[in-house]
PDB file of N, CA and C in Angstrom:
ATOM      1  N   UNK A   1      14.079 -30.581   4.965  1.00  0.00           N
ATOM      2  CA  UNK A   1      13.512 -29.043   5.613  1.00  0.00           C
ATOM      3  C   UNK A   1      12.389 -29.366   6.221  1.00  0.00           C
ATOM      4  N   UNK A   2      12.712 -28.917   7.515  1.00  0.00           N
ATOM      5  CA  UNK A   2      11.367 -28.686   8.498  1.00  0.00           C
ATOM      6  C   UNK A   2      10.876 -27.533   8.467  1.00  0.00           C
ATOM      7  N   UNK A   3       9.437 -27.622   8.237  1.00  0.00           N
ATOM      8  CA  UNK A   3       8.514 -26.640   7.700  1.00  0.00           C
ATOM      9  C   UNK A   3       9.100 -25.473   7.968  1.00  0.00           C
ATOM     10  N   UNK A   4       8.829 -24.267   7.190  1.00  0.00           N
ATOM     11  CA  UNK A   4       9.193 -23.148   7.745  1.00  0.00           C
ATOM     12  C   UNK A   4       7.894 -22.376   8.318  1.00  0.00           C
ATOM     13  N   UNK A   5       8.377 -21.314   9.127  1.00  0.00           N
ATOM     14  CA  UNK A   5       7.712 -20.537  10.101  1.00  0.00           C
ATOM     15  C   UNK A   5       7.070 -19.340   9.242  1.00  0.00           C
ATOM     16  N   UNK A   6       7.784 -19.050   8.611  1.00  0.00           N
ATOM     17  CA  UNK A   6       7.021 -17.919   7.681  1.00  0.00           C
ATOM     18  C   UNK A   6       7.290 -18.096   6.087  1.00  0.00           C
ATOM     19  N   UNK A   7       6.543 -17.288   4.981  1.00  0.00           N
ATOM     20  CA  UNK A   7       7.311 -17.326   4.319  1.00  0.00           C
ATOM     21  C   UNK A   7       8.658 -16.602   3.819  1.00  0.00           C
ATOM     22  N   UNK A   8       9.374 -17.184   2.369  1.00  0.00           N
ATOM     23  CA  UNK A   8      10.068 -17.030   2.225  1.00  0.00           C
ATOM     24  C   UNK A   8      10.190 -16.003   0.821  1.00  0.00           C
ATOM     25  N   UNK A   9      11.085 -14.541   0.411  1.00  0.00           N
ATOM     26  CA  UNK A   9      10.905 -13.786  -0.660  1.00  0.00           C
ATOM     27  C   UNK A   9      11.987 -13.903  -1.011  1.00  0.00           C
ATOM     28  N   UNK A  10      11.778 -13.437  -2.876  1.00  0.00           N
ATOM     29  CA  UNK A  10      12.768 -13.075  -3.449  1.00  0.00           C
ATOM     30  C   UNK A  10      12.108 -12.155  -4.614  1.00  0.00           C
ATOM     31  N   UNK A  11      13.003 -11.486  -5.681  1.00  0.00           N
ATOM     32  CA  UNK A  11      12.476 -10.756  -6.580  1.00  0.00           C
ATOM     33  C   UNK A  11      13.047 -11.346  -8.164  1.00  0.00           C
ATOM     34  N   UNK A  12      12.204 -11.381  -9.139  1.00  0.00           N
ATOM     35  CA  UNK A  12      12.531 -11.136 -10.417  1.00  0.00           C
ATOM     36  C   UNK A  12      13.334  -9.941 -10.871  1.00  0.00           C
ATOM     37  N   UNK A  13      14.360 -10.388 -11.964  1.00  0.00           N
ATOM     38  CA  UNK A  13      15.169  -9.500 -12.682  1.00  0.00           C
ATOM     39  C   UNK A  13      14.180  -8.427 -13.157  1.00  0.00           C
ATOM     40  N   UNK A  14      13.023  -7.991 -13.246  1.00  0.00           N
ATOM     41  CA  UNK A  14      12.341  -7.626 -14.040  1.00  0.00           C
ATOM     42  C   UNK A  14      11.539  -6.296 -12.505  1.00  0.00           C
ATOM     43  N   UNK A  15      11.667  -6.978 -11.371  1.00  0.00           N
ATOM     44  CA  UNK A  15      11.443  -6.471 -10.149  1.00  0.00           C
ATOM     45  C   UNK A  15      12.309  -5.506  -9.209  1.00  0.00           C
ATOM     46  N   UNK A  16      13.402  -6.379  -9.790  1.00  0.00           N
ATOM     47  CA  UNK A  16      14.698  -5.535  -9.305  1.00  0.00           C
ATOM     48  C   UNK A  16      15.351  -4.260 -10.013  1.00  0.00           C
ATOM     49  N   UNK A  17      14.808  -4.572 -11.743  1.00  0.00           N
ATOM     50  CA  UNK A  17      15.255  -3.300 -12.211  1.00  0.00           C
ATOM     51  C   UNK A  17      14.045  -2.078 -11.864  1.00  0.00           C
ATOM     52  N   UNK A  18      13.026  -2.543 -11.582  1.00  0.00           N
ATOM     53  CA  UNK A  18      12.148  -1.529 -11.331  1.00  0.00           C
ATOM     54  C   UNK A  18      12.417  -0.805  -9.701  1.00  0.00           C
ATOM     55  N   UNK A  19      12.674  -1.439  -8.898  1.00  0.00           N
ATOM     56  CA  UNK A  19      13.167  -1.771  -7.322  1.00  0.00           C
ATOM     57  C   UNK A  19      14.223  -0.392  -7.824  1.00  0.00           C
ATOM     58  N   UNK A  20      15.112  -0.514  -8.531  1.00  0.00           N
ATOM     59  CA  UNK A  20      16.032   0.240  -9.053  1.00  0.00           C
ATOM     60  C   UNK A  20      15.902   1.650  -9.509  1.00  0.00           C
ATOM     61  N   UNK A  21      15.144   1.621 -10.286  1.00  0.00           N
ATOM     62  CA  UNK A  21      14.163   2.319 -10.579  1.00  0.00           C
ATOM     63  C   UNK A  21      13.761   3.851  -9.545  1.00  0.00           C
ATOM     64  N   UNK A  22      13.193   2.927  -8.602  1.00  0.00           N
ATOM     65  CA  UNK A  22      12.571   3.621  -7.448  1.00  0.00           C
ATOM     66  C   UNK A  22      12.963   3.952  -6.901  1.00  0.00           C
ATOM     67  N   UNK A  23      14.250   3.654  -6.677  1.00  0.00           N
ATOM     68  CA  UNK A  23      15.680   3.777  -5.877  1.00  0.00           C
ATOM     69  C   UNK A  23      16.313   5.156  -6.351  1.00  0.00           C
ATOM     70  N   UNK A  24      16.199   4.874  -7.127  1.00  0.00           N
ATOM     71  CA  UNK A  24      17.143   6.253  -8.196  1.00  0.00           C
ATOM     72  C   UNK A  24      16.205   7.073  -8.314  1.00  0.00           C
ATOM     73  N   UNK A  25      14.992   7.452  -8.182  1.00  0.00           N
ATOM     74  CA  UNK A  25      14.335   8.542  -8.216  1.00  0.00           C
ATOM     75  C   UNK A  25      13.801   8.791  -6.598  1.00  0.00           C
ATOM     76  N   UNK A  26      13.709   8.026  -5.309  1.00  0.00           N
ATOM     77  CA  UNK A  26      13.629   8.218  -4.189  1.00  0.00           C
ATOM     78  C   UNK A  26      14.328   8.128  -2.683  1.00  0.00           C
ATOM     79  N   UNK A  27      15.212   7.519  -3.746  1.00  0.00           N
ATOM     80  CA  UNK A  27      16.009   7.225  -2.477  1.00  0.00           C
ATOM     81  C   UNK A  27      16.309   5.756  -1.780  1.00  0.00           C
ATOM     82  N   UNK A  28      17.208   5.513  -1.242  1.00  0.00           N
ATOM     83  CA  UNK A  28      17.474   4.226  -0.502  1.00  0.00           C
ATOM     84  C   UNK A  28      16.241   4.081   0.739  1.00  0.00           C
ATOM     85  N   UNK A  29      15.973   4.911   1.040  1.00  0.00           N
ATOM     86  CA  UNK A  29      15.354   4.456   2.861  1.00  0.00           C
ATOM     87  C   UNK A  29      13.811   4.186   2.201  1.00  0.00           C
ATOM     88  N   UNK A  30      13.378   3.112   1.701  1.00  0.00           N
ATOM     89  CA  UNK A  30      12.307   2.142   0.985  1.00  0.00           C
ATOM     90  C   UNK A  30      11.966   1.346   1.596  1.00  0.00           C
ATOM     91  N   UNK A  31      10.613   0.775   1.671  1.00  0.00           N
ATOM     92  CA  UNK A  31      10.329  -0.732   2.344  1.00  0.00           C
ATOM     93  C   UNK A  31       9.640  -1.360   1.152  1.00  0.00           C
ATOM     94  N   UNK A  32       9.274  -2.432   0.989  1.00  0.00           N
ATOM     95  CA  UNK A  32       8.202  -3.389   1.168  1.00  0.00           C
ATOM     96  C   UNK A  32       6.930  -3.856   1.906  1.00  0.00           C
ATOM     97  N   UNK A  33       5.826  -3.291   2.027  1.00  0.00           N
ATOM     98  CA  UNK A  33       4.690  -4.071   2.624  1.00  0.00           C
ATOM     99  C   UNK A  33       3.761  -5.043   1.976  1.00  0.00           C
ATOM    100  N   UNK A  34       3.445  -5.857   2.596  1.00  0.00           N
ATOM    101  CA  UNK A  34       2.039  -6.267   1.784  1.00  0.00           C
ATOM    102  C   UNK A  34       1.133  -6.927   2.725  1.00  0.00           C
ATOM    103  N   UNK A  35      -0.018  -6.046   2.678  1.00  0.00           N
ATOM    104  CA  UNK A  35      -0.941  -6.830   3.968  1.00  0.00           C
ATOM    105  C   UNK A  35      -2.027  -7.554   3.988  1.00  0.00           C
ATOM    106  N   UNK A  36      -2.440  -7.823   2.962  1.00  0.00           N
ATOM    107  CA  UNK A  36      -3.076  -8.834   2.710  1.00  0.00           C
ATOM    108  C   UNK A  36      -4.490  -8.431   2.517  1.00  0.00           C
ATOM    109  N   UNK A  37      -4.644  -6.963   2.885  1.00  0.00           N
ATOM    110  CA  UNK A  37      -5.689  -6.731   2.629  1.00  0.00           C
ATOM    111  C   UNK A  37      -6.824  -6.584   1.294  1.00  0.00           C
ATOM    112  N   UNK A  38      -7.741  -5.669   1.150  1.00  0.00           N
ATOM    113  CA  UNK A  38      -8.185  -5.862  -0.364  1.00  0.00           C
ATOM    114  C   UNK A  38      -7.712  -4.690  -1.008  1.00  0.00           C
ATOM    115  N   UNK A  39      -8.115  -4.807  -2.364  1.00  0.00           N
ATOM    116  CA  UNK A  39      -7.758  -4.078  -3.283  1.00  0.00           C
ATOM    117  C   UNK A  39      -6.116  -3.920  -3.358  1.00  0.00           C
ATOM    118  N   UNK A  40      -5.674  -2.191  -3.160  1.00  0.00           N
ATOM    119  CA  UNK A  40      -4.206  -2.432  -3.217  1.00  0.00           C
ATOM    120  C   UNK A  40      -3.565  -2.901  -2.103  1.00  0.00           C
ATOM    121  N   UNK A  41      -3.771  -3.427  -0.688  1.00  0.00           N
ATOM    122  CA  UNK A  41      -3.448  -4.048   0.367  1.00  0.00           C
ATOM    123  C   UNK A  41      -3.329  -5.480   0.031  1.00  0.00           C
ATOM    124  N   UNK A  42      -3.937  -5.897  -0.837  1.00  0.00           N
ATOM    125  CA  UNK A  42      -3.281  -7.471  -1.538  1.00  0.00           C
ATOM    126  C   UNK A  42      -2.004  -7.173  -2.435  1.00  0.00           C
ATOM    127  N   UNK A  43      -1.087  -6.198  -2.762  1.00  0.00           N
ATOM    128  CA  UNK A  43      -0.267  -6.090  -3.754  1.00  0.00           C
ATOM    129  C   UNK A  43       0.527  -5.703  -2.778  1.00  0.00           C
ATOM    130  N   UNK A  44       1.800  -6.124  -3.481  1.00  0.00           N
ATOM    131  CA  UNK A  44       3.200  -5.576  -2.927  1.00  0.00           C
ATOM    132  C   UNK A  44       3.558  -4.501  -2.967  1.00  0.00           C
ATOM    133  N   UNK A  45       3.572  -3.436  -1.645  1.00  0.00           N
ATOM    134  CA  UNK A  45       3.979  -2.266  -2.259  1.00  0.00           C
ATOM    135  C   UNK A  45       4.899  -1.464  -1.257  1.00  0.00           C
ATOM    136  N   UNK A  46       5.846  -0.762  -2.697  1.00  0.00           N
ATOM    137  CA  UNK A  46       7.372  -0.020  -2.303  1.00  0.00           C
ATOM    138  C   UNK A  46       6.916   1.226  -1.815  1.00  0.00           C
ATOM    139  N   UNK A  47       7.293   1.270  -0.114  1.00  0.00           N
ATOM    140  CA  UNK A  47       6.719   2.550   0.231  1.00  0.00           C
ATOM    141  C   UNK A  47       8.133   3.379   1.100  1.00  0.00           C
ATOM    142  N   UNK A  48       7.762   4.687   0.597  1.00  0.00           N
ATOM    143  CA  UNK A  48       8.935   5.549   1.741  1.00  0.00           C
ATOM    144  C   UNK A  48       9.132   5.053   3.428  1.00  0.00           C
ATOM    145  N   UNK A  49      10.034   4.689   3.729  1.00  0.00           N
ATOM    146  CA  UNK A  49      10.268   3.916   5.441  1.00  0.00           C
ATOM    147  C   UNK A  49       9.829   5.023   5.898  1.00  0.00           C
ATOM    148  N   UNK A  50       9.780   6.374   5.926  1.00  0.00           N
ATOM    149  CA  UNK A  50       9.307   7.168   7.261  1.00  0.00           C
ATOM    150  C   UNK A  50       8.327   8.099   6.861  1.00  0.00           C
ATOM    151  N   UNK A  51       7.317   7.211   6.169  1.00  0.00           N
ATOM    152  CA  UNK A  51       5.921   7.386   5.827  1.00  0.00           C
ATOM    153  C   UNK A  51       4.902   6.805   6.061  1.00  0.00           C
ATOM    154  N   UNK A  52       5.578   5.122   6.030  1.00  0.00           N
ATOM    155  CA  UNK A  52       4.970   3.886   6.867  1.00  0.00           C
ATOM    156  C   UNK A  52       5.114   3.573   8.154  1.00  0.00           C
ATOM    157  N   UNK A  53       4.628   3.637   9.039  1.00  0.00           N
ATOM    158  CA  UNK A  53       5.050   2.935  10.125  1.00  0.00           C
ATOM    159  C   UNK A  53       4.439   1.619  10.534  1.00  0.00           C
ATOM    160  N   UNK A  54       5.502   0.489  10.761  1.00  0.00           N
ATOM    161  CA  UNK A  54       5.062  -0.486  10.585  1.00  0.00           C
ATOM    162  C   UNK A  54       4.620  -0.902  12.170  1.00  0.00           C
ATOM    163  N   UNK A  55       3.833  -2.004  12.421  1.00  0.00           N
ATOM    164  CA  UNK A  55       3.330  -2.208  13.776  1.00  0.00           C
ATOM    165  C   UNK A  55       3.728  -3.403  14.391  1.00  0.00           C
ATOM    166  N   UNK A  56       3.351  -3.454  15.612  1.00  0.00           N
ATOM    167  CA  UNK A  56       3.715  -4.677  16.324  1.00  0.00           C
ATOM    168  C   UNK A  56       3.515  -5.733  15.694  1.00  0.00           C
ATOM    169  N   UNK A  57       2.720  -6.293  14.979  1.00  0.00           N
ATOM    170  CA  UNK A  57       2.022  -6.921  14.224  1.00  0.00           C
ATOM    171  C   UNK A  57       2.805  -7.228  12.772  1.00  0.00           C
ATOM    172  N   UNK A  58       3.226  -6.527  12.484  1.00  0.00           N
ATOM    173  CA  UNK A  58       4.163  -7.054  11.057  1.00  0.00           C
ATOM    174  C   UNK A  58       5.635  -7.729  11.201  1.00  0.00           C
ATOM    175  N   UNK A  59       5.897  -8.114  10.514  1.00  0.00           N
ATOM    176  CA  UNK A  59       7.493  -9.125  10.401  1.00  0.00           C
ATOM    177  C   UNK A  59       8.086  -9.161   9.267  1.00  0.00           C
ATOM    178  N   UNK A  60       9.212  -8.819   9.552  1.00  0.00           N
ATOM    179  CA  UNK A  60      10.117  -9.169   7.974  1.00  0.00           C
ATOM    180  C   UNK A  60      10.524 -10.500   7.702  1.00  0.00           C
ATOM    181  N   UNK A  61      10.321 -10.621   6.265  1.00  0.00           N
ATOM    182  CA  UNK A  61      10.005 -12.080   5.584  1.00  0.00           C
ATOM    183  C   UNK A  61      11.550 -11.597   5.223  1.00  0.00           C
ATOM    184  N   UNK A  62      12.123 -10.876   4.856  1.00  0.00           N
ATOM    185  CA  UNK A  62      13.559 -10.737   4.094  1.00  0.00           C
ATOM    186  C   UNK A  62      13.712  -9.232   3.270  1.00  0.00           C
ATOM    187  N   UNK A  63      14.535  -9.737   2.215  1.00  0.00           N
ATOM    188  CA  UNK A  63      14.634  -7.974   1.342  1.00  0.00           C
ATOM    189  C   UNK A  63      14.831  -8.756  -0.327  1.00  0.00           C
ATOM    190  N   UNK A  64      14.443  -7.830  -0.941  1.00  0.00           N
ATOM    191  CA  UNK A  64      14.391  -7.561  -1.991  1.00  0.00           C
ATOM    192  C   UNK A  64      14.988  -6.694  -2.773  1.00  0.00           C
ATOM    193  N   UNK A  65      16.160  -6.711  -3.348  1.00  0.00           N
ATOM    194  CA  UNK A  65      16.415  -5.174  -4.135  1.00  0.00           C
ATOM    195  C   UNK A  65      17.079  -4.362  -2.940  1.00  0.00           C
ATOM    196  N   UNK A  66      17.817  -4.675  -1.800  1.00  0.00           N
ATOM    197  CA  UNK A  66      18.352  -4.063  -0.865  1.00  0.00           C
ATOM    198  C   UNK A  66      17.161  -3.634   0.211  1.00  0.00           C
ATOM    199  N   UNK A  67      16.277  -3.927  -0.377  1.00  0.00           N
ATOM    200  CA  UNK A  67      15.267  -3.161   0.879  1.00  0.00           C
ATOM    201  C   UNK A  67      14.696  -4.106   1.487  1.00  0.00           C
ATOM    202  N   UNK A  68      14.009  -4.052   2.964  1.00  0.00           N
ATOM    203  CA  UNK A  68      13.402  -5.173   3.963  1.00  0.00           C
ATOM    204  C   UNK A  68      12.003  -5.057   3.330  1.00  0.00           C
ATOM    205  N   UNK A  69      11.409  -6.582   3.438  1.00  0.00           N
ATOM    206  CA  UNK A  69      10.078  -6.863   2.962  1.00  0.00           C
ATOM    207  C   UNK A  69       9.227  -7.429   4.407  1.00  0.00           C
ATOM    208  N   UNK A  70       8.469  -6.531   4.737  1.00  0.00           N
ATOM    209  CA  UNK A  70       7.346  -6.942   5.460  1.00  0.00           C
ATOM    210  C   UNK A  70       6.058  -7.241   5.398  1.00  0.00           C
ATOM    211  N   UNK A  71       5.137  -8.280   6.010  1.00  0.00           N
ATOM    212  CA  UNK A  71       3.792  -8.550   6.035  1.00  0.00           C
ATOM    213  C   UNK A  71       3.177  -8.111   7.433  1.00  0.00           C
ATOM    214  N   UNK A  72       1.735  -8.523   7.391  1.00  0.00           N
ATOM    215  CA  UNK A  72       1.262  -8.496   8.452  1.00  0.00           C
ATOM    216  C   UNK A  72       1.648 -10.323   9.444  1.00  0.00           C
ATOM    217  N   UNK A  73       1.825 -10.061  10.620  1.00  0.00           N
ATOM    218  CA  UNK A  73       2.067 -11.553  11.337  1.00  0.00           C
ATOM    219  C   UNK A  73       0.761 -12.413  10.999  1.00  0.00           C
ATOM    220  N   UNK A  74      -0.056 -12.348  10.587  1.00  0.00           N
ATOM    221  CA  UNK A  74      -1.469 -12.975  10.273  1.00  0.00           C
ATOM    222  C   UNK A  74      -1.145 -13.544   9.281  1.00  0.00           C
ATOM    223  N   UNK A  75      -1.072 -12.723   8.318  1.00  0.00           N
ATOM    224  CA  UNK A  75      -0.730 -13.511   7.138  1.00  0.00           C
ATOM    225  C   UNK A  75       0.141 -14.098   6.621  1.00  0.00           C
ATOM    226  N   UNK A  76       1.432 -13.424   7.327  1.00  0.00           N
ATOM    227  CA  UNK A  76       2.823 -14.474   7.459  1.00  0.00           C
ATOM    228  C   UNK A  76       2.562 -15.680   7.813  1.00  0.00           C
ATOM    229  N   UNK A  77       1.750 -16.257   8.761  1.00  0.00           N
ATOM    230  CA  UNK A  77       1.163 -17.344   9.533  1.00  0.00           C
ATOM    231  C   UNK A  77       0.280 -18.407   8.400  1.00  0.00           C
ATOM    232  N   UNK A  78      -0.578 -17.575   7.815  1.00  0.00           N
ATOM    233  CA  UNK A  78      -1.120 -18.427   6.626  1.00  0.00           C
ATOM    234  C   UNK A  78      -0.492 -18.800   5.597  1.00  0.00           C
ATOM    235  N   UNK A  79       0.495 -18.148   5.049  1.00  0.00           N
ATOM    236  CA  UNK A  79       1.363 -18.019   4.139  1.00  0.00           C
ATOM    237  C   UNK A  79       2.923 -18.741   4.772  1.00  0.00           C
ATOM    238  N   UNK A  80       2.903 -19.596   6.147  1.00  0.00           N
ATOM    239  CA  UNK A  80       4.031 -19.844   6.276  1.00  0.00           C
ATOM    240  C   UNK A  80       4.765 -20.806   5.098  1.00  0.00           C
ATOM    241  N   UNK A  81       4.000 -22.046   4.526  1.00  0.00           N
ATOM    242  CA  UNK A  81       4.675 -22.755   3.791  1.00  0.00           C
ATOM    243  C   UNK A  81       4.859 -22.070   2.614  1.00  0.00           C
ATOM    244  N   UNK A  82       4.952 -20.912   2.469  1.00  0.00           N
ATOM    245  CA  UNK A  82       5.046 -20.300   0.351  1.00  0.00           C
ATOM    246  C   UNK A  82       6.168 -19.482   0.694  1.00  0.00           C
ATOM    247  N   UNK A  83       7.100 -19.714  -0.712  1.00  0.00           N
ATOM    248  CA  UNK A  83       7.886 -19.139  -1.445  1.00  0.00           C
ATOM    249  C   UNK A  83       6.935 -17.885  -2.314  1.00  0.00           C
ATOM    250  N   UNK A  84       7.156 -16.462  -2.108  1.00  0.00           N
ATOM    251  CA  UNK A  84       7.086 -15.415  -2.563  1.00  0.00           C
ATOM    252  C   UNK A  84       8.016 -14.850  -3.776  1.00  0.00           C
ATOM    253  N   UNK A  85       7.337 -14.723  -4.854  1.00  0.00           N
ATOM    254  CA  UNK A  85       8.427 -14.194  -5.612  1.00  0.00           C
ATOM    255  C   UNK A  85       8.028 -13.160  -6.535  1.00  0.00           C
ATOM    256  N   UNK A  86       8.503 -11.578  -5.894  1.00  0.00           N
ATOM    257  CA  UNK A  86       7.558 -10.393  -6.227  1.00  0.00           C
ATOM    258  C   UNK A  86       8.495 -10.342  -8.104  1.00  0.00           C
ATOM    259  N   UNK A  87       7.742  -9.951  -8.675  1.00  0.00           N
ATOM    260  CA  UNK A  87       7.240  -9.609 -10.102  1.00  0.00           C
ATOM    261  C   UNK A  87       6.901  -8.219 -10.353  1.00  0.00           C
ATOM    262  N   UNK A  88       7.120  -8.345 -11.635  1.00  0.00           N
ATOM    263  CA  UNK A  88       6.704  -7.229 -12.360  1.00  0.00           C
ATOM    264  C   UNK A  88       5.552  -7.456 -13.393  1.00  0.00           C
ATOM    265  N   UNK A  89       4.390  -6.303 -13.762  1.00  0.00           N
ATOM    266  CA  UNK A  89       3.364  -6.399 -15.044  1.00  0.00           C
ATOM    267  C   UNK A  89       3.224  -5.608 -15.553  1.00  0.00           C
ATOM    268  N   UNK A  90       2.891  -5.265 -16.572  1.00  0.00           N
ATOM    269  CA  UNK A  90       2.231  -3.812 -16.788  1.00  0.00           C
ATOM    270  C   UNK A  90       0.797  -3.524 -16.328  1.00  0.00           C
ATOM    271  N   UNK A  91       0.940  -2.211 -15.791  1.00  0.00           N
ATOM    272  CA  UNK A  91      -0.371  -1.464 -15.511  1.00  0.00           C
ATOM    273  C   UNK A  91      -0.232  -0.591 -14.102  1.00  0.00           C
ATOM    274  N   UNK A  92      -1.076  -0.235 -13.684  1.00  0.00           N
ATOM    275  CA  UNK A  92      -0.510   1.128 -12.438  1.00  0.00           C
ATOM    276  C   UNK A  92      -0.554   0.260 -11.178  1.00  0.00           C
ATOM    277  N   UNK A  93       0.267   0.580 -10.490  1.00  0.00           N
ATOM    278  CA  UNK A  93       0.219   0.188  -8.939  1.00  0.00           C
ATOM    279  C   UNK A  93      -1.123   1.134  -8.029  1.00  0.00           C
ATOM    280  N   UNK A  94      -0.190   0.365  -7.009  1.00  0.00           N
ATOM    281  CA  UNK A  94      -1.466   0.875  -5.564  1.00  0.00           C
ATOM    282  C   UNK A  94      -1.336   2.302  -5.181  1.00  0.00           C
ATOM    283  N   UNK A  95      -2.215   3.303  -5.391  1.00  0.00           N
ATOM    284  CA  UNK A  95      -2.253   4.133  -5.174  1.00  0.00           C
ATOM    285  C   UNK A  95      -1.050   4.515  -4.173  1.00  0.00           C
ATOM    286  N   UNK A  96      -0.753   4.227  -3.391  1.00  0.00           N
ATOM    287  CA  UNK A  96       0.124   4.641  -2.105  1.00  0.00           C
ATOM    288  C   UNK A  96       1.945   4.028  -2.337  1.00  0.00           C
ATOM    289  N   UNK A  97       1.544   3.114  -3.203  1.00  0.00           N
ATOM    290  CA  UNK A  97       2.871   2.602  -3.890  1.00  0.00           C
ATOM    291  C   UNK A  97       3.716   3.365  -4.997  1.00  0.00           C
ATOM    292  N   UNK A  98       5.414   3.044  -4.361  1.00  0.00           N
ATOM    293  CA  UNK A  98       5.838   4.082  -5.592  1.00  0.00           C
ATOM    294  C   UNK A  98       5.675   3.621  -7.114  1.00  0.00           C
ATOM    295  N   UNK A  99       5.745   2.481  -6.864  1.00  0.00           N
ATOM    296  CA  UNK A  99       5.613   1.974  -8.760  1.00  0.00           C
ATOM    297  C   UNK A  99       4.650   2.828  -9.298  1.00  0.00           C
ATOM    298  N   UNK A 100       3.277   2.898  -8.716  1.00  0.00           N
ATOM    299  CA  UNK A 100       2.223   4.377  -9.071  1.00  0.00           C
ATOM    300  C   UNK A 100       2.726   4.788  -9.923  1.00  0.00           C
ATOM    301  N   UNK A 101       2.124   4.960 -11.366  1.00  0.00           N
ATOM    302  CA  UNK A 101       2.386   5.679 -12.602  1.00  0.00           C
ATOM    303  C   UNK A 101       3.890   5.378 -13.310  1.00  0.00           C
ATOM    304  N   UNK A 102       4.409   3.971 -13.419  1.00  0.00           N
ATOM    305  CA  UNK A 102       5.619   3.906 -13.825  1.00  0.00           C
ATOM    306  C   UNK A 102       5.195   2.972 -14.878  1.00  0.00           C
ATOM    307  N   UNK A 103       4.332   2.826 -15.097  1.00  0.00           N
ATOM    308  CA  UNK A 103       2.927   2.024 -16.196  1.00  0.00           C
ATOM    309  C   UNK A 103       3.487   0.700 -15.964  1.00  0.00           C
ATOM    310  N   UNK A 104       4.192   0.326 -14.494  1.00  0.00           N
ATOM    311  CA  UNK A 104       4.240  -0.981 -14.423  1.00  0.00           C
ATOM    312  C   UNK A 104       3.713  -1.473 -12.681  1.00  0.00           C
ATOM    313  N   UNK A 105       3.842  -2.656 -12.450  1.00  0.00           N
ATOM    314  CA  UNK A 105       3.029  -2.709 -11.158  1.00  0.00           C
ATOM    315  C   UNK A 105       3.913  -3.602 -10.702  1.00  0.00           C
ATOM    316  N   UNK A 106       3.711  -4.041  -8.945  1.00  0.00           N
ATOM    317  CA  UNK A 106       4.737  -5.475  -8.531  1.00  0.00           C
ATOM    318  C   UNK A 106       3.337  -6.236  -8.019  1.00  0.00           C
ATOM    319  N   UNK A 107       3.733  -7.239  -8.112  1.00  0.00           N
ATOM    320  CA  UNK A 107       2.658  -8.481  -8.316  1.00  0.00           C
ATOM    321  C   UNK A 107       3.284  -9.753  -7.180  1.00  0.00           C
ATOM    322  N   UNK A 108       2.686 -10.251  -6.351  1.00  0.00           N
ATOM    323  CA  UNK A 108       3.148 -11.869  -6.083  1.00  0.00           C
ATOM    324  C   UNK A 108       2.764 -12.455  -6.661  1.00  0.00           C
ATOM    325  N   UNK A 109       3.702 -13.592  -7.212  1.00  0.00           N
ATOM    326  CA  UNK A 109       3.579 -15.161  -7.431  1.00  0.00           C
ATOM    327  C   UNK A 109       4.078 -16.126  -6.328  1.00  0.00           C
ATOM    328  N   UNK A 110       3.662 -17.041  -6.216  1.00  0.00           N
ATOM    329  CA  UNK A 110       4.015 -18.007  -5.048  1.00  0.00           C
ATOM    330  C   UNK A 110       4.103 -19.416  -5.382  1.00  0.00           C
ATOM    331  N   UNK A 111       4.825 -19.782  -4.671  1.00  0.00           N
ATOM    332  CA  UNK A 111       5.242 -21.507  -4.747  1.00  0.00           C
ATOM    333  C   UNK A 111       5.343 -21.828  -3.232  1.00  0.00           C
ATOM    334  N   UNK A 112       4.549 -23.476  -3.186  1.00  0.00           N
ATOM    335  CA  UNK A 112       3.889 -23.918  -2.238  1.00  0.00           C
ATOM    336  C   UNK A 112       5.327 -24.634  -1.711  1.00  0.00           C
ATOM    337  N   UNK A 113       5.977 -24.534  -0.575  1.00  0.00           N
ATOM    338  CA  UNK A 113       7.084 -25.187  -0.283  1.00  0.00           C
ATOM    339  C   UNK A 113       6.360 -26.278  -0.007  1.00  0.00           C
ATOM    340  N   UNK A 114       7.109 -27.445   0.289  1.00  0.00           N
ATOM    341  CA  UNK A 114       7.007 -29.016   0.951  1.00  0.00           C
ATOM    342  C   UNK A 114       7.027 -28.940   1.867  1.00  0.00           C
ATOM    343  N   UNK A 115       6.212 -29.890   3.314  1.00  0.00           N
ATOM    344  CA  UNK A 115       6.789 -29.299   4.403  1.00  0.00           C
ATOM    345  C   UNK A 115       6.592 -31.150   5.149  1.00  0.00           C
ATOM    346  N   UNK A 116       8.201 -30.886   5.172  1.00  0.00           N
ATOM    347  CA  UNK A 116       8.542 -32.460   5.662  1.00  0.00           C
ATOM    348  C   UNK A 116       8.444 -32.965   7.605  1.00  0.00           C
ATOM    349  N   UNK A 117       8.082 -33.925   8.210  1.00  0.00           N
ATOM    350  CA  UNK A 117       7.695 -34.078   9.513  1.00  0.00           C
ATOM    351  C   UNK A 117       8.973 -33.534   9.863  1.00  0.00           C
ATOM    352  N   UNK A 118       9.631 -33.639  11.330  1.00  0.00           N
ATOM    353  CA  UNK A 118      10.771 -33.975  11.990  1.00  0.00           C
ATOM    354  C   UNK A 118      11.080 -35.312  12.336  1.00  0.00           C
ATOM    355  N   UNK A 119      11.620 -35.833  12.369  1.00  0.00           N
ATOM    356  CA  UNK A 119      11.959 -37.329  12.683  1.00  0.00           C
ATOM    357  C   UNK A 119      12.451 -37.622  14.262  1.00  0.00           C
TER     358      UNK A 119
END
């Protein structure tokens, strides 16, 4: 593999189960966004698509549980060689994230991918 230009993303079975629960309660018009800001912004957040305006600097990294996963372009460039794994742990989600008040919250785990020079 010649180096990735942006991170890749996948979800654990626990995360997929929570996504299914959130979709059942809020419908399928949802997105994930991870801004890289402080506090809640550094966690992956599941949001109603209509209530979160994406900006010109947001990039879609892929899809988890049938939902698009977005990240700020600057952060995506910093994590270009990283594989993101969205998981769930006990706790309260971010104030605006739909995992809030479920007793679980989304977290990002990561694996650094090797970079090989092109021949």
